[in-house]
Amino acid sequence: MLPGGGQAMKDAKKPTRASRLGGRLVGVASMLLLVSLGFVLGVTSSNAMFIRFYLPFMPPLRSAAAAASSPTPPPPPTPTQDQRTGSAGFLTAPSGVMHNMTDEELYWLASMAPMVRRAPDSRVPKVAFLFLVRGELPLRPLWEKFFEGHQGLYSIYVHAHPSYTGSPPADSVFYGRYIPSQRTKWGDASLVEAERRLLANALLDLGNERFALFSEACIPVYDFPTVYAFLTGANTSFVDCYENGGSRSRYRPFFATRNITLARWRKGAQWFEMDRALALESVADDFCFPAFRDFCVGRSECLIDEHYLPTLVSLLGWGPRNANRTLTYADWKRAVNRHPHTHGGEEVTEALIREIREDGGGRCFYNGARNGICNLFARKFSPDALEPLLRVAPKVMGFG
């Protein structure tokens, strides 16, 4: 053994200063790694708690293990036909008109209106034809000829007595167009409620721009293109609205207590044609109609259907936005018991229809200018007038 060899071996076994320093660094690094890992886990847990309690609409965070074990996400849903054809889909009305809404729910939903005034280019304005009837539509074949070939430009709504259980044939444009209804009585508030119910159901279809009311005794006296162009091109509504001695005689002091003055009191024919803005006002009205309803209960002489809408138009200050006339002709020269003359089958001739079309002549205005068309529709026609009407329609009315 070399001198001093034993001492050298002992010195070799002693840790050097550098090795002691390296060991401490390793220990510090390990501790820092553990602390960092704990901090990350704590933050993740805290974030999850924050999202769970303060953002309840956010889905819970998934752990990496759960994400790795979850199945492959499903493919996105196939676009519907409406989505494939663009933005027009949301304007499309439901296929049917039956629902289980109360009138209160219906009016609330129907009274909503888009805030953006400019309609999408995809929107095609439609005319809503509102039929207030007892049940059957005896002149239905004539109307079917009128609508033929013009799908997409009109919609139909029928309010019948709730006991009516009949139905047009499945190939009729009237099939499936009967809305949930209530009983009605002539001259009663229920009649106006039925009109508002028809308007509300039609307003649910955002494509409906014009709204016209008819009975089962009404007919068109022009073809559909003429009627459609006239209505959709008008810058006014057509609500009969006038003031005379006959209308004032029905005013009662009760209405003054509801802030409906004699100066605003009006009268007019029930059969209207209006734009969407006025339809919305009528459905949303919680001022004028309640006053009429409260007063007219049990009073057959009230004749609310002749006064409510004209008075509402007056109260709204509609002014130049209403033409103050109806587009539905009626023969009041031969009135019977407060009803206009009913044309029977023997009266229906080409001359009669021409007389109705020409009635008023140049006295009627359209968009501020004199116009030869005063009447687009007419009443009253009895059921036996159907066959003669179908014969003269192609010659005089332009359809059939």
Foldseek 3Di string as FASTA:
>chain_A
DDVPVVVVVVVVPDDDPVVVVVVVVVVVVVVVVVVVVVVVVVVLVVVQVCCVPPVVVDDGDDDPVVVVPDDDDDDDDDDDPLVVVPDCSVLDDDPALEDDDDLVVLLVLLLDDDPDPDDDPPQAAAEEEEEEEAEDQLQQVQVQQQCPPPPPRYAYAYEHAQVHDDADDPPGSCGRRYYDYYDDDFLALSVVVRVLSRLSSVSVNVRYWKYWYDYSQKHFLAHNVVVSCQQVVFQAWEWAWDDDPVQLVLDDCLVVVLVQDSVLWTFGDLIIMGTNVLSSCSSPDPRQSVSLNVVCVPPSVNSCSGTRSNSSCSVVVCPPRYQNHHQEAFAQVPDDPPHGDEDEQVRDDLVVSVCSQQPPAQVGDTNHHTDRGRHRMYDGYDSNNNVSCVVCCVVRRVTD
